Each structure stands twice: as C-alpha cells, then as structure tokens.
Amino acid sequence: MKYLSFLFLIFLSLTFLSCNDEDNLPIQLSGVWEERKYVDSVDFWVVNTLEFKNDSEFQFRTTVRETETGNDLGYRFYYDDTYDWDGKTFNYSPDMAFWIDYREEKFYTKKEDLKAGVIDFVSWPSANITFVEGNSKLIFQNICTSTNADYCENAQYPEREYIRVN
C-alpha cells in the first residue's frame, strides 16, 4: 500500500510540474483591450481595440466615441486575424482589412460601409507585448522584422498602451 501511495505522490508531483506559464498565455491576453486618444481637432475619442477571441484569433478595430468610455459612434478601420504569441513576441499577419473611404468628409461610418482592401507589409508584423499594473495594462511595441537594415533603422514604432476593459 505504501508503494502505491508513493507512486501516486510521484504522479501528482509530475502533474504539477508539467504545468507551466505557457498554459496561461491565451488567458493572459483574452478579452478586450483599448487604447483611447482624444483628438481635439475633431472633438472625438478615437479608440483602438484589440479583442482576443481565443488563443489564436483576434480583431483589431478603430472606432470613434463622443466620450472616453461611451458607446461607439462608428468605425474607421478593422480586421480579423490569427496570431501566435510565445509570452513576449506577438506575430500576426492581417491581409484583408476594412477602412473608411478617406475621400469622404465623414470621420467615421457604419461597419458595413467600410471599404475592403488588402494590407501589404514590408516585413512580417511582430510586436513585443508586456503587461504592467497587475496585468490591467498591455504595452504593445511593434518590432521590425525586415531583413532590410536601412528600413528597420528608420522605422518608428511607438509604444501603445492598452487597458483591459473586460
């Protein structure tokens, strides 16, 4: 009986040791994250949203609001995509996107009125993602993956701070 108890204890220990932080990666990203900026020239809040739907699919969208946390009035841009994330580097590759027709005077429109188009990248899109303030904020920093050193040297990728909204 002691032998079986000992084997059970070893099995239980191995079960706990086999769990690692990678098992929690999608949970860490899951939900909706927003970057909110007030644009005084148009008197609207522009909101960039990352919505992680599961451990490999997300949506990026840019919407417009009258107040920082109010309802969305309409869209400026969005795409659905898949991603891969190893806990630091976030790889994604949107190809089909939808955006506002910038020749029009409207600052935003209904989602169904956005124009479809293909996004063409110079390099494979990647970013570093880090969490701050107890995982309530996500810092998104694009990184240059191009093999063209001159392009990467001149590329400007500001940090984008997103807050978890759910």
N, C-alpha and C. Protein backbone atom coordinates (compact mmCIF):
# COMPACT_ATOMS: atom_id res chain seq x y z
N MET A 1 0.82 -1.18 0.00
CA MET A 1 0.00 0.00 0.00
C MET A 1 0.87 1.27 0.00
N LYS A 2 1.97 1.21 0.78
CA LYS A 2 2.88 2.35 0.81
C LYS A 2 3.47 2.60 -0.58
N TYR A 3 3.73 1.51 -1.30
CA TYR A 3 4.29 1.62 -2.64
C TYR A 3 3.31 2.36 -3.56
N LEU A 4 2.03 2.03 -3.50
CA LEU A 4 1.02 2.70 -4.33
C LEU A 4 0.87 4.16 -3.93
N SER A 5 0.93 4.45 -2.65
CA SER A 5 0.85 5.84 -2.19
C SER A 5 2.04 6.64 -2.71
N PHE A 6 3.22 6.01 -2.69
CA PHE A 6 4.41 6.66 -3.18
C PHE A 6 4.29 6.95 -4.68
N LEU A 7 3.80 5.97 -5.48
CA LEU A 7 3.60 6.17 -6.90
C LEU A 7 2.58 7.28 -7.18
N PHE A 8 1.52 7.30 -6.40
CA PHE A 8 0.50 8.35 -6.57
C PHE A 8 1.10 9.73 -6.30
N LEU A 9 1.93 9.82 -5.27
CA LEU A 9 2.58 11.09 -4.93
C LEU A 9 3.50 11.54 -6.06
N ILE A 10 4.24 10.62 -6.65
CA ILE A 10 5.11 10.96 -7.77
C ILE A 10 4.28 11.43 -8.95
N PHE A 11 3.21 10.71 -9.27
CA PHE A 11 2.32 11.10 -10.37
C PHE A 11 1.76 12.49 -10.15
N LEU A 12 1.30 12.77 -8.95
CA LEU A 12 0.73 14.08 -8.62
C LEU A 12 1.78 15.17 -8.77
N SER A 13 3.00 14.91 -8.32
CA SER A 13 4.09 15.88 -8.44
C SER A 13 4.41 16.17 -9.90
N LEU A 14 4.47 15.14 -10.72
CA LEU A 14 4.75 15.33 -12.13
C LEU A 14 3.64 16.12 -12.81
N THR A 15 2.42 15.92 -12.39
CA THR A 15 1.30 16.66 -12.96
C THR A 15 1.46 18.15 -12.70
N PHE A 16 1.84 18.51 -11.50
CA PHE A 16 2.02 19.93 -11.18
C PHE A 16 3.24 20.51 -11.88
N LEU A 17 4.29 19.72 -12.01
CA LEU A 17 5.49 20.21 -12.68
C LEU A 17 5.28 20.40 -14.17
N SER A 18 4.39 19.63 -14.77
CA SER A 18 4.19 19.75 -16.21
C SER A 18 3.41 21.00 -16.58
N CYS A 19 2.73 21.61 -15.64
CA CYS A 19 2.04 22.87 -15.92
C CYS A 19 3.08 23.98 -15.94
N ASN A 20 2.99 24.86 -16.93
CA ASN A 20 3.93 25.97 -16.99
C ASN A 20 3.20 27.24 -17.37
N ASP A 21 3.93 28.32 -17.43
CA ASP A 21 3.33 29.62 -17.75
C ASP A 21 2.74 29.65 -19.14
N GLU A 22 3.27 28.85 -20.07
CA GLU A 22 2.74 28.86 -21.43
C GLU A 22 1.29 28.42 -21.47
N ASP A 23 0.88 27.57 -20.50
CA ASP A 23 -0.52 27.15 -20.46
C ASP A 23 -1.45 28.33 -20.19
N ASN A 24 -0.93 29.37 -19.55
CA ASN A 24 -1.75 30.53 -19.20
C ASN A 24 -1.66 31.66 -20.20
N LEU A 25 -0.85 31.52 -21.25
CA LEU A 25 -0.65 32.62 -22.19
C LEU A 25 -1.95 33.12 -22.81
N PRO A 26 -2.77 32.29 -23.40
CA PRO A 26 -4.00 32.82 -24.00
C PRO A 26 -4.91 33.48 -22.97
N ILE A 27 -4.92 32.95 -21.76
CA ILE A 27 -5.77 33.53 -20.71
C ILE A 27 -5.30 34.95 -20.40
N GLN A 28 -4.01 35.16 -20.39
CA GLN A 28 -3.45 36.48 -20.11
C GLN A 28 -3.90 37.51 -21.14
N LEU A 29 -3.95 37.13 -22.42
CA LEU A 29 -4.36 38.04 -23.48
C LEU A 29 -5.87 38.16 -23.61
N SER A 30 -6.59 37.14 -23.26
CA SER A 30 -8.02 37.06 -23.56
C SER A 30 -8.79 38.29 -23.11
N GLY A 31 -9.80 38.62 -23.87
CA GLY A 31 -10.66 39.74 -23.54
C GLY A 31 -10.47 40.92 -24.47
N VAL A 32 -10.91 42.06 -23.99
CA VAL A 32 -10.91 43.28 -24.80
C VAL A 32 -9.97 44.30 -24.16
N TRP A 33 -9.10 44.89 -24.98
CA TRP A 33 -8.13 45.88 -24.57
C TRP A 33 -8.32 47.13 -25.42
N GLU A 34 -8.27 48.31 -24.80
CA GLU A 34 -8.48 49.55 -25.55
C GLU A 34 -7.36 50.55 -25.33
N GLU A 35 -7.02 51.24 -26.41
CA GLU A 35 -6.14 52.41 -26.38
C GLU A 35 -7.04 53.59 -26.78
N ARG A 36 -7.21 54.56 -25.88
CA ARG A 36 -8.13 55.67 -26.12
C ARG A 36 -7.36 56.98 -26.22
N LYS A 37 -7.64 57.72 -27.29
CA LYS A 37 -6.97 59.02 -27.51
C LYS A 37 -8.03 60.06 -27.87
N TYR A 38 -7.95 61.20 -27.22
CA TYR A 38 -8.85 62.29 -27.56
C TYR A 38 -8.22 63.12 -28.67
N VAL A 39 -8.98 63.37 -29.73
CA VAL A 39 -8.50 64.15 -30.87
C VAL A 39 -9.26 65.47 -30.86
N ASP A 40 -8.60 66.49 -30.35
CA ASP A 40 -9.31 67.77 -30.16
C ASP A 40 -9.69 68.45 -31.48
N SER A 41 -8.98 68.17 -32.55
CA SER A 41 -9.30 68.83 -33.82
C SER A 41 -10.66 68.38 -34.37
N VAL A 42 -11.11 67.21 -33.97
CA VAL A 42 -12.42 66.73 -34.42
C VAL A 42 -13.39 66.56 -33.26
N ASP A 43 -12.91 66.76 -32.02
CA ASP A 43 -13.71 66.67 -30.81
C ASP A 43 -14.33 65.27 -30.63
N PHE A 44 -13.51 64.24 -30.87
CA PHE A 44 -13.94 62.85 -30.68
C PHE A 44 -12.83 62.07 -29.98
N TRP A 45 -13.22 60.98 -29.36
CA TRP A 45 -12.29 59.99 -28.84
C TRP A 45 -12.10 58.94 -29.92
N VAL A 46 -10.85 58.62 -30.26
CA VAL A 46 -10.54 57.55 -31.19
C VAL A 46 -10.04 56.37 -30.35
N VAL A 47 -10.66 55.22 -30.56
CA VAL A 47 -10.38 54.06 -29.72
C VAL A 47 -9.87 52.91 -30.59
N ASN A 48 -8.65 52.47 -30.30
CA ASN A 48 -8.11 51.27 -30.93
C ASN A 48 -8.36 50.11 -29.98
N THR A 49 -8.99 49.07 -30.50
CA THR A 49 -9.37 47.93 -29.67
C THR A 49 -8.72 46.65 -30.17
N LEU A 50 -8.13 45.91 -29.25
CA LEU A 50 -7.66 44.55 -29.51
C LEU A 50 -8.63 43.63 -28.78
N GLU A 51 -9.32 42.79 -29.52
CA GLU A 51 -10.23 41.84 -28.90
C GLU A 51 -9.74 40.43 -29.21
N PHE A 52 -9.24 39.77 -28.16
CA PHE A 52 -8.73 38.41 -28.31
C PHE A 52 -9.88 37.45 -28.08
N LYS A 53 -10.27 36.75 -29.14
CA LYS A 53 -11.44 35.90 -29.11
C LYS A 53 -11.12 34.50 -28.59
N ASN A 54 -9.93 34.01 -28.83
CA ASN A 54 -9.46 32.74 -28.30
C ASN A 54 -7.94 32.74 -28.36
N ASP A 55 -7.31 31.58 -28.29
CA ASP A 55 -5.85 31.54 -28.22
C ASP A 55 -5.16 31.68 -29.57
N SER A 56 -5.92 31.99 -30.64
CA SER A 56 -5.27 32.20 -31.93
C SER A 56 -5.98 33.22 -32.82
N GLU A 57 -7.12 33.76 -32.40
CA GLU A 57 -7.87 34.72 -33.22
C GLU A 57 -8.12 36.01 -32.46
N PHE A 58 -8.00 37.12 -33.19
CA PHE A 58 -8.28 38.41 -32.58
C PHE A 58 -8.84 39.36 -33.63
N GLN A 59 -9.36 40.47 -33.15
CA GLN A 59 -9.82 41.53 -34.04
C GLN A 59 -9.19 42.84 -33.57
N PHE A 60 -8.71 43.61 -34.54
CA PHE A 60 -8.25 44.98 -34.28
C PHE A 60 -9.27 45.90 -34.92
N ARG A 61 -9.71 46.92 -34.19
CA ARG A 61 -10.65 47.87 -34.76
C ARG A 61 -10.37 49.26 -34.21
N THR A 62 -10.68 50.25 -35.04
CA THR A 62 -10.60 51.65 -34.63
C THR A 62 -12.00 52.22 -34.75
N THR A 63 -12.50 52.70 -33.62
CA THR A 63 -13.85 53.28 -33.57
C THR A 63 -13.77 54.70 -33.02
N VAL A 64 -14.91 55.37 -33.05
CA VAL A 64 -14.99 56.77 -32.62
C VAL A 64 -16.08 56.90 -31.57
N ARG A 65 -15.81 57.72 -30.54
CA ARG A 65 -16.78 57.96 -29.46
C ARG A 65 -16.84 59.44 -29.15
N GLU A 66 -17.95 59.84 -28.54
CA GLU A 66 -18.06 61.22 -28.05
C GLU A 66 -17.40 61.37 -26.69
N THR A 67 -17.40 60.29 -25.90
CA THR A 67 -16.76 60.30 -24.59
C THR A 67 -15.79 59.13 -24.51
N GLU A 68 -14.88 59.20 -23.57
CA GLU A 68 -13.83 58.18 -23.49
C GLU A 68 -14.39 56.77 -23.32
N THR A 69 -15.40 56.60 -22.50
CA THR A 69 -15.92 55.27 -22.24
C THR A 69 -17.36 55.10 -22.73
N GLY A 70 -17.81 55.97 -23.59
CA GLY A 70 -19.17 55.90 -24.11
C GLY A 70 -19.33 54.85 -25.19
N ASN A 71 -20.47 54.89 -25.83
CA ASN A 71 -20.76 53.96 -26.93
C ASN A 71 -20.03 54.38 -28.19
N ASP A 72 -19.68 53.39 -29.00
CA ASP A 72 -19.05 53.67 -30.30
C ASP A 72 -20.06 54.30 -31.24
N LEU A 73 -19.63 55.39 -31.90
CA LEU A 73 -20.49 56.05 -32.90
C LEU A 73 -20.35 55.38 -34.26
N GLY A 74 -19.18 54.87 -34.55
CA GLY A 74 -18.93 54.24 -35.83
C GLY A 74 -17.49 53.78 -35.94
N TYR A 75 -17.14 53.29 -37.10
CA TYR A 75 -15.83 52.68 -37.36
C TYR A 75 -14.98 53.55 -38.27
N ARG A 76 -13.66 53.38 -38.14
CA ARG A 76 -12.70 53.93 -39.09
C ARG A 76 -11.90 52.81 -39.76
N PHE A 77 -11.73 51.68 -39.04
CA PHE A 77 -10.87 50.62 -39.54
C PHE A 77 -11.12 49.34 -38.74
N TYR A 78 -10.97 48.18 -39.37
CA TYR A 78 -10.93 46.92 -38.62
C TYR A 78 -10.41 45.78 -39.48
N TYR A 79 -9.90 44.75 -38.81
CA TYR A 79 -9.56 43.49 -39.46
C TYR A 79 -9.66 42.37 -38.42
N ASP A 80 -9.96 41.19 -38.91
CA ASP A 80 -9.92 39.96 -38.12
C ASP A 80 -8.67 39.21 -38.54
N ASP A 81 -8.02 38.55 -37.59
CA ASP A 81 -6.77 37.89 -37.92
C ASP A 81 -6.49 36.76 -36.95
N THR A 82 -5.47 35.98 -37.28
CA THR A 82 -4.95 34.97 -36.38
C THR A 82 -3.61 35.48 -35.84
N TYR A 83 -3.17 34.88 -34.75
CA TYR A 83 -1.91 35.30 -34.15
C TYR A 83 -1.22 34.11 -33.50
N ASP A 84 0.05 34.33 -33.21
CA ASP A 84 0.86 33.39 -32.45
C ASP A 84 1.59 34.22 -31.41
N TRP A 85 1.59 33.76 -30.18
CA TRP A 85 2.23 34.52 -29.11
C TRP A 85 2.95 33.56 -28.19
N ASP A 86 4.22 33.83 -27.92
CA ASP A 86 5.02 32.95 -27.07
C ASP A 86 5.21 33.50 -25.65
N GLY A 87 4.44 34.51 -25.30
CA GLY A 87 4.57 35.13 -23.98
C GLY A 87 5.30 36.46 -24.04
N LYS A 88 5.94 36.74 -25.15
CA LYS A 88 6.61 38.02 -25.36
C LYS A 88 6.37 38.52 -26.78
N THR A 89 6.75 37.72 -27.78
CA THR A 89 6.62 38.15 -29.17
C THR A 89 5.27 37.73 -29.74
N PHE A 90 4.59 38.71 -30.28
CA PHE A 90 3.26 38.55 -30.85
C PHE A 90 3.40 38.65 -32.37
N ASN A 91 3.08 37.57 -33.08
CA ASN A 91 3.18 37.54 -34.54
C ASN A 91 1.77 37.49 -35.12
N TYR A 92 1.54 38.31 -36.11
CA TYR A 92 0.23 38.36 -36.75
C TYR A 92 0.43 38.71 -38.22
N SER A 93 -0.59 38.52 -39.03
CA SER A 93 -0.42 38.78 -40.46
C SER A 93 -1.74 39.11 -41.14
N PRO A 94 -2.33 40.24 -40.80
CA PRO A 94 -3.59 40.59 -41.45
C PRO A 94 -3.38 40.81 -42.94
N ASP A 95 -4.31 40.35 -43.72
CA ASP A 95 -4.22 40.63 -45.14
C ASP A 95 -5.44 41.42 -45.61
N MET A 96 -6.63 40.99 -45.27
CA MET A 96 -7.84 41.71 -45.66
C MET A 96 -8.28 42.62 -44.51
N ALA A 97 -8.46 43.88 -44.82
CA ALA A 97 -8.89 44.86 -43.81
C ALA A 97 -10.02 45.70 -44.40
N PHE A 98 -10.64 46.46 -43.54
CA PHE A 98 -11.75 47.32 -43.94
C PHE A 98 -11.51 48.70 -43.32
N TRP A 99 -11.61 49.77 -44.15
CA TRP A 99 -11.34 51.11 -43.65
C TRP A 99 -12.30 52.10 -44.28
N ILE A 100 -12.34 53.26 -43.65
CA ILE A 100 -13.22 54.33 -44.12
C ILE A 100 -12.66 54.88 -45.43
N ASP A 101 -13.53 55.28 -46.31
CA ASP A 101 -13.11 55.92 -47.55
C ASP A 101 -12.66 57.34 -47.18
N TYR A 102 -11.37 57.58 -47.18
CA TYR A 102 -10.83 58.85 -46.70
C TYR A 102 -11.13 60.02 -47.65
N ARG A 103 -11.68 59.75 -48.80
CA ARG A 103 -12.07 60.84 -49.70
C ARG A 103 -13.37 61.49 -49.24
N GLU A 104 -14.08 60.79 -48.37
CA GLU A 104 -15.33 61.35 -47.85
C GLU A 104 -15.02 62.29 -46.69
N GLU A 105 -15.97 63.11 -46.36
CA GLU A 105 -15.78 64.07 -45.27
C GLU A 105 -16.07 63.48 -43.90
N LYS A 106 -16.74 62.33 -43.86
CA LYS A 106 -17.10 61.73 -42.57
C LYS A 106 -15.84 61.24 -41.85
N PHE A 107 -15.86 61.37 -40.52
CA PHE A 107 -14.75 60.91 -39.70
C PHE A 107 -14.94 59.45 -39.30
N TYR A 108 -16.17 58.97 -39.36
CA TYR A 108 -16.48 57.58 -39.03
C TYR A 108 -17.71 57.16 -39.84
N THR A 109 -17.94 55.86 -39.89
CA THR A 109 -19.08 55.34 -40.64
C THR A 109 -19.54 54.02 -40.02
N LYS A 110 -20.62 53.48 -40.55
CA LYS A 110 -21.09 52.17 -40.10
C LYS A 110 -20.11 51.10 -40.59
N LYS A 111 -20.01 50.02 -39.84
CA LYS A 111 -19.09 48.94 -40.18
C LYS A 111 -19.32 48.42 -41.60
N GLU A 112 -20.57 48.27 -41.98
CA GLU A 112 -20.88 47.73 -43.32
C GLU A 112 -20.54 48.70 -44.44
N ASP A 113 -20.28 49.98 -44.14
CA ASP A 113 -19.91 50.96 -45.17
C ASP A 113 -18.40 51.11 -45.36
N LEU A 114 -17.62 50.38 -44.57
CA LEU A 114 -16.17 50.43 -44.72
C LEU A 114 -15.78 49.76 -46.03
N LYS A 115 -14.68 50.21 -46.61
CA LYS A 115 -14.18 49.67 -47.87
C LYS A 115 -13.18 48.54 -47.60
N ALA A 116 -13.27 47.46 -48.36
CA ALA A 116 -12.36 46.33 -48.19
C ALA A 116 -11.08 46.57 -48.97
N GLY A 117 -9.98 46.09 -48.44
CA GLY A 117 -8.71 46.20 -49.13
C GLY A 117 -7.70 45.23 -48.56
N VAL A 118 -6.62 45.05 -49.27
CA VAL A 118 -5.55 44.14 -48.86
C VAL A 118 -4.43 44.95 -48.23
N ILE A 119 -3.92 44.46 -47.11
CA ILE A 119 -2.78 45.10 -46.44
C ILE A 119 -1.52 44.41 -46.93
N ASP A 120 -0.54 45.19 -47.34
CA ASP A 120 0.72 44.66 -47.82
C ASP A 120 1.82 45.16 -46.89
N PHE A 121 2.57 44.25 -46.31
CA PHE A 121 3.60 44.61 -45.34
C PHE A 121 4.99 44.47 -45.95
N VAL A 122 5.91 45.33 -45.51
CA VAL A 122 7.30 45.25 -45.91
C VAL A 122 7.97 44.08 -45.20
N SER A 123 7.54 43.81 -43.97
CA SER A 123 8.08 42.70 -43.19
C SER A 123 6.94 42.03 -42.43
N TRP A 124 7.19 40.86 -41.92
CA TRP A 124 6.18 40.12 -41.16
C TRP A 124 5.87 40.90 -39.89
N PRO A 125 4.60 41.27 -39.64
CA PRO A 125 4.28 42.08 -38.46
C PRO A 125 4.51 41.31 -37.16
N SER A 126 5.24 41.92 -36.27
CA SER A 126 5.52 41.36 -34.95
C SER A 126 5.55 42.49 -33.94
N ALA A 127 5.29 42.13 -32.71
CA ALA A 127 5.34 43.12 -31.64
C ALA A 127 5.75 42.42 -30.35
N ASN A 128 6.32 43.19 -29.45
CA ASN A 128 6.55 42.71 -28.09
C ASN A 128 5.36 43.13 -27.26
N ILE A 129 4.86 42.22 -26.46
CA ILE A 129 3.76 42.52 -25.55
C ILE A 129 4.25 42.29 -24.13
N THR A 130 4.07 43.30 -23.30
CA THR A 130 4.37 43.17 -21.87
C THR A 130 3.17 43.66 -21.09
N PHE A 131 3.05 43.20 -19.88
CA PHE A 131 1.94 43.58 -19.02
C PHE A 131 2.46 44.38 -17.84
N VAL A 132 1.69 45.38 -17.44
CA VAL A 132 2.05 46.20 -16.28
C VAL A 132 0.81 46.38 -15.41
N GLU A 133 1.06 46.87 -14.21
CA GLU A 133 -0.01 47.17 -13.26
C GLU A 133 -0.93 45.98 -13.05
N GLY A 134 -0.33 44.84 -12.68
CA GLY A 134 -1.10 43.65 -12.37
C GLY A 134 -1.91 43.12 -13.53
N ASN A 135 -1.34 43.18 -14.72
CA ASN A 135 -1.99 42.72 -15.96
C ASN A 135 -3.21 43.53 -16.35
N SER A 136 -3.37 44.73 -15.81
CA SER A 136 -4.50 45.57 -16.21
C SER A 136 -4.15 46.44 -17.42
N LYS A 137 -2.85 46.53 -17.73
CA LYS A 137 -2.40 47.28 -18.91
C LYS A 137 -1.48 46.40 -19.74
N LEU A 138 -1.59 46.58 -21.04
CA LEU A 138 -0.80 45.83 -22.01
C LEU A 138 0.00 46.86 -22.81
N ILE A 139 1.30 46.68 -22.89
CA ILE A 139 2.15 47.54 -23.71
C ILE A 139 2.46 46.79 -25.00
N PHE A 140 2.07 47.39 -26.12
CA PHE A 140 2.22 46.80 -27.45
C PHE A 140 3.28 47.60 -28.19
N GLN A 141 4.41 46.96 -28.49
CA GLN A 141 5.53 47.63 -29.15
C GLN A 141 5.88 46.87 -30.42
N ASN A 142 5.51 47.41 -31.59
CA ASN A 142 5.87 46.77 -32.84
C ASN A 142 7.38 46.68 -32.95
N ILE A 143 7.86 45.61 -33.59
CA ILE A 143 9.28 45.43 -33.82
C ILE A 143 9.51 45.20 -35.30
N CYS A 144 10.64 45.62 -35.78
CA CYS A 144 10.96 45.47 -37.20
C CYS A 144 11.57 44.10 -37.43
N THR A 145 10.97 43.36 -38.36
CA THR A 145 11.49 42.03 -38.70
C THR A 145 12.03 41.97 -40.12
N SER A 146 12.12 43.12 -40.76
CA SER A 146 12.62 43.15 -42.13
C SER A 146 14.10 42.80 -42.18
N THR A 147 14.51 42.20 -43.27
CA THR A 147 15.93 41.92 -43.46
C THR A 147 16.66 43.15 -44.00
N ASN A 148 15.91 44.19 -44.32
CA ASN A 148 16.48 45.44 -44.82
C ASN A 148 16.88 46.31 -43.62
N ALA A 149 18.16 46.38 -43.33
CA ALA A 149 18.66 47.11 -42.16
C ALA A 149 18.31 48.60 -42.23
N ASP A 150 18.38 49.19 -43.43
CA ASP A 150 18.04 50.61 -43.56
C ASP A 150 16.58 50.86 -43.20
N TYR A 151 15.71 49.97 -43.64
CA TYR A 151 14.29 50.12 -43.33
C TYR A 151 14.07 50.05 -41.81
N CYS A 152 14.67 49.07 -41.17
CA CYS A 152 14.49 48.92 -39.72
C CYS A 152 15.09 50.10 -38.95
N GLU A 153 16.20 50.63 -39.44
CA GLU A 153 16.84 51.76 -38.76
C GLU A 153 15.93 52.99 -38.78
N ASN A 154 15.18 53.16 -39.85
CA ASN A 154 14.31 54.33 -40.00
C ASN A 154 12.87 54.09 -39.52
N ALA A 155 12.55 52.86 -39.21
CA ALA A 155 11.18 52.55 -38.78
C ALA A 155 10.92 53.14 -37.39
N GLN A 156 9.78 53.73 -37.22
CA GLN A 156 9.40 54.33 -35.94
C GLN A 156 8.17 53.59 -35.42
N TYR A 157 8.32 52.93 -34.29
CA TYR A 157 7.22 52.18 -33.70
C TYR A 157 7.01 52.64 -32.26
N PRO A 158 6.08 53.55 -32.04
CA PRO A 158 5.84 54.00 -30.67
C PRO A 158 5.17 52.90 -29.84
N GLU A 159 5.42 52.92 -28.55
CA GLU A 159 4.71 52.01 -27.64
C GLU A 159 3.25 52.41 -27.60
N ARG A 160 2.38 51.42 -27.56
CA ARG A 160 0.95 51.68 -27.47
C ARG A 160 0.47 51.03 -26.18
N GLU A 161 -0.20 51.80 -25.35
CA GLU A 161 -0.67 51.29 -24.06
C GLU A 161 -2.16 51.01 -24.13
N TYR A 162 -2.53 49.77 -23.89
CA TYR A 162 -3.92 49.34 -23.88
C TYR A 162 -4.34 49.01 -22.47
N ILE A 163 -5.58 49.33 -22.13
CA ILE A 163 -6.11 48.95 -20.83
C ILE A 163 -7.15 47.86 -21.01
N ARG A 164 -7.18 46.93 -20.06
CA ARG A 164 -8.15 45.83 -20.12
C ARG A 164 -9.52 46.39 -19.77
N VAL A 165 -10.51 46.12 -20.62
CA VAL A 165 -11.88 46.58 -20.34
C VAL A 165 -12.79 45.42 -19.97
N ASN A 166 -12.38 44.19 -20.25
CA ASN A 166 -13.10 43.01 -19.73
C ASN A 166 -12.24 41.78 -19.89
